[in-house]
Amino acid sequence: MDFSLWPVGSQPWQDTLEATEYAERTGWHGVWVADHFMANGAEGVGVPMNECMAVLAALASRTERVRLGSMVLGNTYRHPAVVANQAATVDQISGGRFVLGIGAGWQVNEHEAYGIELPRPRDLLARLDEACQVFKGLLTQDRTDFDGKYYQLTGAPLEPKPAAMPLLIGGAGEKVTLGIVAKYADEWNHWSLPEVAAHKGEVFRTHCEKIGRDPATVRRSTQALFEVIDPGDTEAAERRERLVAAGRPVVMGSAEELLDTFGRYAEAGIDELLVPDVTLGGGQRRIDALERIREEVIAKLG
C-alpha cells in the first residue's frame, strides 16, 4: 500500500505547507486537502479554513514529487465545468500530479451559511452522476455538449487538457453511490476500518459486475484516525475513547497493533491509506506522531 498525509484544513497556510514539505521530504506518497469553508457543527463559525483549490494550486508550485488531491470537492459548491478547468490548471502547475476528488456534498452548516442549495440525497446523487459525465467529457473531448437535468454545456472547450488526471469519487452509499463509482471513477475513497473496507469492496464488486467492469481497475483508498500510543498513556487512551464514542473510525494503539490493522486493510483490497493529522496536534507534536507511524509501522511493512 501507499501512505499519504491529510493535513487538517483548519490551520494557517504555513502549517499546511510545513506538513506538505515534511511529506515530500520523508517519502509519503501524497497529500490530500479537504474542501470546506467552515468547520462542521455549531463550532464552525470563527474557525479558520482555507479554500481547497487555492491551497492545492499553491502546494503544486511548492512541491515536486508527492501526488496532490482534493478529498473531496463538494459538487454543490461549484459548477462541474468550473471545477474541470480549475483541476486542469492545478494539474498543469503540478506537472501531472493532481487527482480530482469529487463527492456529492453534505455539510449542512456550510450550505445554510452561504445560501447554497442542499438537495435531498436522491437529487444530490443525480447531480453527482451528471457532474461526472461533464468531467469525463471536458477532460477527453475537444468540445463537449451535454443536456442534463442539472447541467447543460454547448460546445464547451477545456484547454490545455491533462494528459491523464484521475477522477476520484468519495462516498460509501451501497445502493447508488457505489454504482456511480463503478461507472465513472478511476479511484474511490471512503472512511473505514478494515472490516468495513472488506464489506464495501464486496458491494462494489457487485456494482462492477452489473456493468461489466473489472473492480481491480479502480484504485481504492481509505482513512481512519491513526496514532501510535504507548501503554499507560492515559491521555491518549481517553482521547481514543472519546473519538470511538463519537462514532469515528479509530486505530490508536501500539505499533504492532497498527501493523496488524494495516495488513488487514491490504487484505481488504486497499491500495492507499490516508493519515489525517486532525487529532495529532500541531507543531513538533504532529511531526513526532507522524514519524512514529512512518518509522515504527510503515517502514516495517516492506
Protein backbone atom coordinates (compact mmCIF):
# COMPACT_ATOMS: atom_id res chain seq x y z
CA MET A 1 0.00 0.00 0.00
CA ASP A 2 0.88 3.64 -0.40
CA PHE A 3 0.63 6.06 2.52
CA SER A 4 -0.43 9.68 2.22
CA LEU A 5 -0.89 12.61 4.56
CA TRP A 6 -4.13 14.55 5.06
CA PRO A 7 -3.39 17.86 6.82
CA VAL A 8 -6.35 19.36 8.66
CA GLY A 9 -7.86 22.32 6.83
CA SER A 10 -8.47 24.46 9.91
CA GLN A 11 -4.90 25.66 10.28
CA PRO A 12 -2.81 28.51 8.90
CA TRP A 13 -1.37 28.15 5.41
CA GLN A 14 2.17 27.96 6.80
CA ASP A 15 1.27 24.88 8.87
CA THR A 16 -0.25 23.17 5.84
CA LEU A 17 2.86 23.98 3.84
CA GLU A 18 5.15 22.64 6.58
CA ALA A 19 3.18 19.37 6.73
CA THR A 20 3.36 19.02 2.96
CA GLU A 21 7.09 19.76 2.86
CA TYR A 22 7.56 17.14 5.58
CA ALA A 23 5.62 14.60 3.47
CA GLU A 24 7.65 15.49 0.37
CA ARG A 25 10.93 15.20 2.26
CA THR A 26 10.26 11.92 4.06
CA GLY A 27 8.76 9.80 1.27
CA TRP A 28 4.99 9.94 1.79
CA HIS A 29 3.07 9.10 -1.36
CA GLY A 30 0.69 12.04 -1.46
CA VAL A 31 -1.02 14.94 0.27
CA TRP A 32 -4.79 15.44 0.31
CA VAL A 33 -6.77 18.61 1.08
CA ALA A 34 -10.41 18.74 2.20
CA ASP A 35 -12.98 21.07 0.64
CA HIS A 36 -14.73 23.05 3.36
CA PHE A 37 -15.37 26.71 4.11
CA MET A 38 -16.07 26.25 7.81
CA ALA A 39 -15.85 23.56 10.45
CA ASN A 40 -18.81 21.26 10.92
CA GLY A 41 -21.32 21.80 13.70
CA ALA A 42 -22.11 24.73 15.97
CA GLU A 43 -18.41 25.47 16.46
CA GLY A 44 -17.93 26.10 12.75
CA VAL A 45 -18.20 29.89 12.88
CA GLY A 46 -14.87 31.57 13.57
CA VAL A 47 -12.64 28.55 12.82
CA PRO A 48 -10.09 29.42 10.11
CA MET A 49 -10.49 27.45 6.87
CA ASN A 50 -8.51 27.95 3.68
CA GLU A 51 -10.10 27.19 0.30
CA CYS A 52 -9.18 23.79 -1.10
CA MET A 53 -8.30 24.51 -4.73
CA ALA A 54 -6.30 27.63 -3.88
CA VAL A 55 -4.29 25.62 -1.35
CA LEU A 56 -3.70 22.82 -3.86
CA ALA A 57 -2.50 25.25 -6.52
CA ALA A 58 -0.05 26.73 -4.05
CA LEU A 59 1.17 23.29 -2.93
CA ALA A 60 1.59 22.24 -6.55
CA SER A 61 4.03 25.11 -7.05
CA ARG A 62 5.98 24.27 -3.87
CA THR A 63 6.45 20.50 -4.36
CA GLU A 64 7.98 18.24 -6.98
CA ARG A 65 7.20 14.64 -6.02
CA VAL A 66 4.06 13.99 -3.94
CA ARG A 67 0.69 13.38 -5.53
CA LEU A 68 -1.84 16.08 -4.65
CA GLY A 69 -5.59 15.67 -4.49
CA SER A 70 -8.90 17.08 -3.28
CA MET A 71 -10.57 14.96 -0.59
CA VAL A 72 -13.19 15.69 -1.83
CA LEU A 73 -14.71 18.68 -3.63
CA GLY A 74 -18.37 19.18 -2.73
CA ASN A 75 -20.29 19.02 -6.00
CA THR A 76 -22.87 21.53 -4.77
CA TYR A 77 -20.30 24.30 -4.32
CA ARG A 78 -19.15 24.82 -7.91
CA HIS A 79 -20.37 24.09 -11.43
CA PRO A 80 -18.52 20.97 -12.68
CA ALA A 81 -17.30 22.83 -15.78
CA VAL A 82 -15.61 25.37 -13.49
CA VAL A 83 -14.13 22.55 -11.41
CA ALA A 84 -12.78 20.81 -14.51
CA ASN A 85 -10.97 23.97 -15.59
CA GLN A 86 -9.59 24.56 -12.09
CA ALA A 87 -8.41 20.96 -11.87
CA ALA A 88 -6.73 21.07 -15.28
CA THR A 89 -4.84 24.20 -14.23
CA VAL A 90 -3.71 22.73 -10.91
CA ASP A 91 -2.63 19.58 -12.74
CA GLN A 92 -0.59 21.72 -15.14
CA ILE A 93 1.09 23.57 -12.25
CA SER A 94 1.90 20.25 -10.56
CA GLY A 95 3.36 18.65 -13.67
CA GLY A 96 0.69 15.96 -13.80
CA ARG A 97 0.49 15.03 -10.10
CA PHE A 98 -3.10 16.07 -9.38
CA VAL A 99 -6.07 13.82 -8.56
CA LEU A 100 -9.54 15.33 -8.94
CA GLY A 101 -11.55 14.10 -5.97
CA ILE A 102 -15.29 14.82 -6.03
CA GLY A 103 -18.22 13.97 -3.77
CA ALA A 104 -21.94 14.72 -3.62
CA GLY A 105 -21.70 17.33 -0.84
CA TRP A 106 -23.14 17.01 2.65
CA GLN A 107 -22.16 19.61 5.27
CA VAL A 108 -25.37 21.35 6.32
CA ASN A 109 -23.98 24.43 8.06
CA GLU A 110 -21.93 25.45 5.01
CA HIS A 111 -24.95 25.31 2.74
CA GLU A 112 -27.06 27.26 5.22
CA ALA A 113 -24.43 29.93 5.89
CA TYR A 114 -23.65 30.58 2.23
CA GLY A 115 -27.15 30.12 0.84
CA ILE A 116 -26.13 27.10 -1.25
CA GLU A 117 -28.90 24.66 -2.03
CA LEU A 118 -28.51 21.24 -0.39
CA PRO A 119 -30.94 18.95 -2.25
CA ARG A 120 -32.34 15.73 -0.85
CA PRO A 121 -29.99 12.74 -1.17
CA ARG A 122 -31.59 11.35 -4.34
CA ASP A 123 -31.10 14.64 -6.17
CA LEU A 124 -27.61 15.12 -4.74
CA LEU A 125 -26.54 11.82 -6.23
CA ALA A 126 -28.25 12.51 -9.54
CA ARG A 127 -26.29 15.77 -9.75
CA LEU A 128 -23.07 13.92 -8.94
CA ASP A 129 -23.76 11.43 -11.72
CA GLU A 130 -24.23 14.25 -14.23
CA ALA A 131 -21.16 16.09 -12.93
CA CYS A 132 -19.02 13.00 -13.56
CA GLN A 133 -20.28 12.92 -17.15
CA VAL A 134 -19.35 16.59 -17.52
CA PHE A 135 -15.84 15.92 -16.16
CA LYS A 136 -15.29 12.96 -18.46
CA GLY A 137 -16.48 14.93 -21.48
CA LEU A 138 -14.44 18.07 -20.84
CA LEU A 139 -11.29 16.14 -19.99
CA THR A 140 -11.38 13.88 -23.04
CA GLN A 141 -13.28 15.63 -25.87
CA ASP A 142 -12.32 18.62 -27.99
CA ARG A 143 -15.75 20.16 -27.39
CA THR A 144 -18.44 18.92 -25.03
CA ASP A 145 -22.20 19.07 -25.46
CA PHE A 146 -24.29 17.93 -22.52
CA ASP A 147 -28.02 18.31 -21.95
CA GLY A 148 -28.76 17.05 -18.48
CA LYS A 149 -31.41 17.89 -15.92
CA TYR A 150 -28.95 19.89 -13.81
CA TYR A 151 -26.12 20.86 -16.18
CA GLN A 152 -26.08 21.96 -19.80
CA LEU A 153 -22.99 22.55 -21.94
CA THR A 154 -22.84 23.68 -25.56
CA GLY A 155 -19.60 23.22 -27.48
CA ALA A 156 -17.67 23.67 -24.23
CA PRO A 157 -13.86 23.60 -24.54
CA LEU A 158 -11.19 22.79 -21.97
CA GLU A 159 -7.61 23.53 -22.91
CA PRO A 160 -4.98 22.56 -22.14
CA LYS A 161 -6.18 19.11 -21.17
CA PRO A 162 -4.35 16.98 -18.59
CA ALA A 163 -2.54 14.00 -20.02
CA ALA A 164 -4.07 11.57 -17.52
CA MET A 165 -5.71 13.12 -14.46
CA PRO A 166 -7.55 10.52 -12.34
CA LEU A 167 -11.11 11.12 -11.20
CA LEU A 168 -11.66 10.03 -7.59
CA ILE A 169 -15.14 9.72 -6.14
CA GLY A 170 -15.61 9.82 -2.40
CA GLY A 171 -18.53 8.01 -0.81
CA ALA A 172 -19.75 4.69 0.55
CA GLY A 173 -23.50 4.55 -0.08
CA GLU A 174 -24.17 1.00 -1.20
CA LYS A 175 -27.32 1.45 -3.29
CA VAL A 176 -26.45 4.43 -5.51
CA THR A 177 -23.05 5.96 -4.75
CA LEU A 178 -21.05 2.82 -5.40
CA GLY A 179 -22.86 2.42 -8.71
CA ILE A 180 -21.68 5.91 -9.68
CA VAL A 181 -18.15 4.96 -8.62
CA ALA A 182 -18.31 1.83 -10.76
CA LYS A 183 -19.39 3.82 -13.82
CA TYR A 184 -17.00 6.75 -13.69
CA ALA A 185 -14.23 6.58 -11.10
CA ASP A 186 -10.55 5.89 -11.58
CA GLU A 187 -10.16 5.97 -7.79
CA TRP A 188 -12.55 5.52 -4.86
CA ASN A 189 -12.28 6.74 -1.28
CA HIS A 190 -14.26 6.33 1.93
CA TRP A 191 -13.66 6.28 5.69
CA SER A 192 -13.41 2.78 7.15
CA LEU A 193 -11.88 0.21 9.42
CA PRO A 194 -10.67 -2.99 7.68
CA GLU A 195 -13.88 -4.95 8.19
CA VAL A 196 -15.96 -2.17 6.65
CA ALA A 197 -13.47 -1.80 3.78
CA ALA A 198 -13.80 -5.51 3.01
CA HIS A 199 -17.60 -5.34 3.06
CA LYS A 200 -17.74 -2.22 0.89
CA GLY A 201 -15.38 -3.89 -1.55
CA GLU A 202 -17.76 -6.82 -2.00
CA VAL A 203 -20.71 -4.49 -2.59
CA PHE A 204 -18.64 -2.52 -5.07
CA ARG A 205 -17.77 -5.74 -6.89
CA THR A 206 -21.45 -6.46 -7.50
CA HIS A 207 -21.96 -2.97 -8.98
CA CYS A 208 -18.99 -3.53 -11.29
CA GLU A 209 -20.31 -6.93 -12.37
CA LYS A 210 -23.60 -5.33 -13.43
CA ILE A 211 -21.83 -3.09 -15.95
CA GLY A 212 -19.03 -5.46 -16.92
CA ARG A 213 -16.21 -3.55 -15.25
CA ASP A 214 -13.22 -5.11 -13.52
CA PRO A 215 -13.21 -3.69 -9.95
CA ALA A 216 -9.43 -4.03 -9.90
CA THR A 217 -9.24 -1.14 -12.39
CA VAL A 218 -10.38 1.26 -9.63
CA ARG A 219 -7.72 2.32 -7.15
CA ARG A 220 -9.06 2.20 -3.58
CA SER A 221 -8.12 4.46 -0.69
CA THR A 222 -9.43 4.86 2.83
CA GLN A 223 -8.64 6.58 6.09
CA ALA A 224 -9.21 6.40 9.82
CA LEU A 225 -7.71 8.27 12.78
CA PHE A 226 -4.31 6.63 13.22
CA GLU A 227 -1.81 7.08 16.04
CA VAL A 228 0.88 5.02 17.78
CA ILE A 229 0.38 5.32 21.52
CA ASP A 230 2.25 3.81 24.44
CA PRO A 231 0.80 1.56 27.15
CA GLY A 232 -0.08 3.65 30.17
CA ASP A 233 -0.65 6.85 28.18
CA THR A 234 -3.93 7.68 29.89
CA GLU A 235 -4.44 10.95 27.98
CA ALA A 236 -4.21 9.15 24.64
CA ALA A 237 -6.45 6.32 25.87
CA GLU A 238 -9.10 8.80 26.99
CA ARG A 239 -8.85 10.63 23.67
CA ARG A 240 -9.30 7.34 21.82
CA GLU A 241 -12.40 6.53 23.88
CA ARG A 242 -13.92 9.94 23.12
CA LEU A 243 -13.33 9.51 19.40
CA VAL A 244 -14.78 5.99 19.38
CA ALA A 245 -17.81 7.19 21.35
CA ALA A 246 -18.32 9.89 18.72
CA GLY A 247 -18.51 7.19 16.06
CA ARG A 248 -15.18 7.92 14.41
CA PRO A 249 -13.10 5.09 12.85
CA VAL A 250 -10.09 4.95 15.16
CA VAL A 251 -6.88 2.91 15.05
CA MET A 252 -4.85 4.03 18.08
CA GLY A 253 -2.58 1.54 19.80
CA SER A 254 0.87 0.00 19.77
CA ALA A 255 2.97 -0.14 16.63
CA GLU A 256 2.25 -3.87 16.48
CA GLU A 257 -1.49 -3.23 16.57
CA LEU A 258 -1.22 -0.72 13.73
CA LEU A 259 0.93 -3.15 11.74
CA ASP A 260 -1.73 -5.83 12.07
CA THR A 261 -4.50 -3.41 11.12
CA PHE A 262 -2.62 -2.08 8.10
CA GLY A 263 -2.14 -5.66 6.93
CA ARG A 264 -5.89 -6.24 7.16
CA TYR A 265 -6.52 -3.11 5.09
CA ALA A 266 -4.27 -4.56 2.40
CA GLU A 267 -6.17 -7.86 2.53
CA ALA A 268 -9.41 -5.88 2.07
CA GLY A 269 -8.09 -4.51 -1.22
CA ILE A 270 -6.99 -1.04 -0.12
CA ASP A 271 -4.25 0.49 -2.28
CA GLU A 272 -3.63 3.70 -0.32
CA LEU A 273 -4.07 4.66 3.33
CA LEU A 274 -4.57 8.33 4.19
CA VAL A 275 -3.34 9.53 7.58
CA PRO A 276 -5.32 12.56 8.79
CA ASP A 277 -3.44 14.73 11.26
CA VAL A 278 -6.55 16.35 12.75
CA THR A 279 -6.12 14.55 16.10
CA LEU A 280 -2.30 14.66 16.20
CA GLY A 281 -1.87 18.21 17.48
CA GLY A 282 0.33 20.88 15.94
CA GLY A 283 3.96 21.86 15.63
CA GLN A 284 6.55 19.31 16.67
CA ARG A 285 3.96 17.08 18.35
CA ARG A 286 2.30 16.46 14.98
CA ILE A 287 5.62 15.70 13.28
CA ASP A 288 6.64 13.36 16.10
CA ALA A 289 3.32 11.48 15.85
CA LEU A 290 3.64 11.14 12.07
CA GLU A 291 7.24 9.99 12.40
CA ARG A 292 6.21 7.25 14.82
CA ILE A 293 3.70 5.97 12.25
CA ARG A 294 6.27 6.21 9.47
CA GLU A 295 9.23 4.69 11.31
CA GLU A 296 7.55 2.17 13.63
CA VAL A 297 4.80 0.95 11.30
CA ILE A 298 5.10 1.88 7.61
CA ALA A 299 8.83 1.18 7.40
CA LYS A 300 8.26 -2.34 8.74
CA LEU A 301 5.72 -3.23 6.08
CA GLY A 302 8.45 -3.50 3.46
